[in-house]
C-alpha atoms as a PDB file:
ATOM      1  CA  UNK A   1       0.568   0.070  -0.131  1.00  0.00           C
ATOM      2  CA  UNK A   2       1.235   3.746  -0.630  1.00  0.00           C
ATOM      3  CA  UNK A   3       1.597   6.329   2.106  1.00  0.00           C
ATOM      4  CA  UNK A   4       2.134  10.123   1.288  1.00  0.00           C
ATOM      5  CA  UNK A   5       3.325  12.232   3.911  1.00  0.00           C
ATOM      6  CA  UNK A   6       2.853  15.556   4.195  1.00  0.00           C
ATOM      7  CA  UNK A   7       5.698  17.579   7.354  1.00  0.00           C
ATOM      8  CA  UNK A   8       6.243  20.685   8.243  1.00  0.00           C
ATOM      9  CA  UNK A   9      10.504  21.743   8.682  1.00  0.00           C
ATOM     10  CA  UNK A  10      11.973  24.733  10.325  1.00  0.00           C
ATOM     11  CA  UNK A  11      14.973  26.279  10.352  1.00  0.00           C
ATOM     12  CA  UNK A  12      15.475  26.461  13.669  1.00  0.00           C
ATOM     13  CA  UNK A  13      12.554  26.624  16.387  1.00  0.00           C
ATOM     14  CA  UNK A  14      10.086  29.026  16.196  1.00  0.00           C
ATOM     15  CA  UNK A  15      12.368  30.114  12.604  1.00  0.00           C
ATOM     16  CA  UNK A  16      11.538  29.794   9.008  1.00  0.00           C
ATOM     17  CA  UNK A  17       8.831  26.639   8.321  1.00  0.00           C
ATOM     18  CA  UNK A  18       7.853  24.863   5.044  1.00  0.00           C
ATOM     19  CA  UNK A  19       4.783  22.365   4.556  1.00  0.00           C
ATOM     20  CA  UNK A  20       5.187  20.078   1.789  1.00  0.00           C
ATOM     21  CA  UNK A  21       3.702  17.255   0.058  1.00  0.00           C
ATOM     22  CA  UNK A  22       5.788  13.201  -1.040  1.00  0.00           C
ATOM     23  CA  UNK A  23       5.181  10.254  -2.064  1.00  0.00           C
ATOM     24  CA  UNK A  24       8.640   8.919   0.591  1.00  0.00           C
ATOM     25  CA  UNK A  25       9.402  11.026   3.307  1.00  0.00           C
ATOM     26  CA  UNK A  26      12.973  10.329   3.403  1.00  0.00           C
ATOM     27  CA  UNK A  27      14.236  10.908   0.660  1.00  0.00           C
ATOM     28  CA  UNK A  28      12.442  14.053  -0.188  1.00  0.00           C
ATOM     29  CA  UNK A  29      14.071  15.351   3.584  1.00  0.00           C
ATOM     30  CA  UNK A  30      17.992  13.948   3.025  1.00  0.00           C
ATOM     31  CA  UNK A  31      17.276  16.176  -0.512  1.00  0.00           C
ATOM     32  CA  UNK A  32      16.744  19.483   1.530  1.00  0.00           C
ATOM     33  CA  UNK A  33      19.084  18.176   3.930  1.00  0.00           C
ATOM     34  CA  UNK A  34      21.426  17.961   1.482  1.00  0.00           C
ATOM     35  CA  UNK A  35      20.387  21.158  -0.432  1.00  0.00           C
ATOM     36  CA  UNK A  36      19.451  19.463  -3.876  1.00  0.00           C
ATOM     37  CA  UNK A  37      16.550  21.522  -5.363  1.00  0.00           C
ATOM     38  CA  UNK A  38      18.388  25.306  -5.095  1.00  0.00           C
ATOM     39  CA  UNK A  39      14.629  26.923  -3.712  1.00  0.00           C
ATOM     40  CA  UNK A  40      12.728  27.983  -0.862  1.00  0.00           C
ATOM     41  CA  UNK A  41      14.321  25.503   2.297  1.00  0.00           C
ATOM     42  CA  UNK A  42      17.893  25.582   0.207  1.00  0.00           C
ATOM     43  CA  UNK A  43      17.751  29.637   0.414  1.00  0.00           C
ATOM     44  CA  UNK A  44      16.160  29.512   4.078  1.00  0.00           C
ATOM     45  CA  UNK A  45      18.138  26.284   5.583  1.00  0.00           C
ATOM     46  CA  UNK A  46      15.030  24.832   6.399  1.00  0.00           C
ATOM     47  CA  UNK A  47      15.410  21.013   6.728  1.00  0.00           C
ATOM     48  CA  UNK A  48      14.739  20.218  10.462  1.00  0.00           C
ATOM     49  CA  UNK A  49      11.657  17.367  10.059  1.00  0.00           C
ATOM     50  CA  UNK A  50       9.351  19.379  13.172  1.00  0.00           C
ATOM     51  CA  UNK A  51       6.183  17.739  11.829  1.00  0.00           C
ATOM     52  CA  UNK A  52       4.442  14.702   9.901  1.00  0.00           C
ATOM     53  CA  UNK A  53       1.203  12.662   8.585  1.00  0.00           C
ATOM     54  CA  UNK A  54       1.119  10.136   6.754  1.00  0.00           C
ATOM     55  CA  UNK A  55      -1.714   9.201   4.738  1.00  0.00           C
ATOM     56  CA  UNK A  56      -3.607   6.263   2.380  1.00  0.00           C
ATOM     57  CA  UNK A  57      -3.493   8.605  -1.011  1.00  0.00           C
ATOM     58  CA  UNK A  58      -2.342  11.590  -2.562  1.00  0.00           C
ATOM     59  CA  UNK A  59      -5.599  13.255  -2.434  1.00  0.00           C
ATOM     60  CA  UNK A  60      -5.871  13.270   1.454  1.00  0.00           C
ATOM     61  CA  UNK A  61      -2.329  14.109   1.796  1.00  0.00           C
ATOM     62  CA  UNK A  62      -2.527  17.475  -0.873  1.00  0.00           C
ATOM     63  CA  UNK A  63      -5.921  18.376   0.551  1.00  0.00           C
ATOM     64  CA  UNK A  64      -3.573  18.104   4.110  1.00  0.00           C
ATOM     65  CA  UNK A  65      -0.953  20.347   2.562  1.00  0.00           C
ATOM     66  CA  UNK A  66      -3.296  22.855   1.175  1.00  0.00           C
ATOM     67  CA  UNK A  67      -5.490  23.451   4.183  1.00  0.00           C
ATOM     68  CA  UNK A  68      -1.995  23.526   6.395  1.00  0.00           C
ATOM     69  CA  UNK A  69      -0.104  26.072   4.603  1.00  0.00           C
ATOM     70  CA  UNK A  70      -3.257  28.510   4.821  1.00  0.00           C
ATOM     71  CA  UNK A  71      -3.655  28.600   8.809  1.00  0.00           C
ATOM     72  CA  UNK A  72      -2.330  31.030  10.347  1.00  0.00           C
ATOM     73  CA  UNK A  73       1.337  31.324  11.863  1.00  0.00           C
ATOM     74  CA  UNK A  74       0.383  30.277  15.384  1.00  0.00           C
ATOM     75  CA  UNK A  75      -2.112  27.312  14.388  1.00  0.00           C
ATOM     76  CA  UNK A  76       1.552  25.660  12.726  1.00  0.00           C
ATOM     77  CA  UNK A  77       3.606  26.153  15.939  1.00  0.00           C
ATOM     78  CA  UNK A  78       0.949  24.668  17.652  1.00  0.00           C
ATOM     79  CA  UNK A  79       0.577  22.058  15.784  1.00  0.00           C
ATOM     80  CA  UNK A  80       3.849  21.395  16.241  1.00  0.00           C
ATOM     81  CA  UNK A  81       4.677  22.098  19.907  1.00  0.00           C
ATOM     82  CA  UNK A  82       1.982  19.689  20.493  1.00  0.00           C
ATOM     83  CA  UNK A  83       4.307  16.077  19.820  1.00  0.00           C
ATOM     84  CA  UNK A  84       7.256  17.601  19.400  1.00  0.00           C
ATOM     85  CA  UNK A  85       7.374  20.556  21.851  1.00  0.00           C
ATOM     86  CA  UNK A  86      10.991  20.561  21.675  1.00  0.00           C
ATOM     87  CA  UNK A  87      11.494  20.618  18.182  1.00  0.00           C
ATOM     88  CA  UNK A  88      13.266  17.602  17.960  1.00  0.00           C
ATOM     89  CA  UNK A  89      14.957  16.554  14.047  1.00  0.00           C
ATOM     90  CA  UNK A  90      12.624  13.891  13.883  1.00  0.00           C
ATOM     91  CA  UNK A  91      14.375  12.400  11.284  1.00  0.00           C
ATOM     92  CA  UNK A  92      17.958  12.845  12.856  1.00  0.00           C
ATOM     93  CA  UNK A  93      18.491   9.306  13.109  1.00  0.00           C
ATOM     94  CA  UNK A  94      17.014   7.686   9.987  1.00  0.00           C
ATOM     95  CA  UNK A  95      20.665   8.724   7.590  1.00  0.00           C
ATOM     96  CA  UNK A  96      23.080   7.003  10.571  1.00  0.00           C
END
């Protein structure tokens, strides 16, 4: 079964945020960390995975991504801090 993800990256605690969508979370986060794509996340050094959600369909994930991108910043911060109050990098152990 395919899995799809919506994720939030941060530059630091309470720093710049980026919301994205992917079907391969580990690969996509690594691309951000290695600055493979020269875009927003590379420019602002946004590469700490602070939140992610898993979905069974691309449609569900895309709807959630669009919803979250419309949110006020304060709502995004509350979502992150609910499950990850220390803003730990949730991908830290993946690449060792």
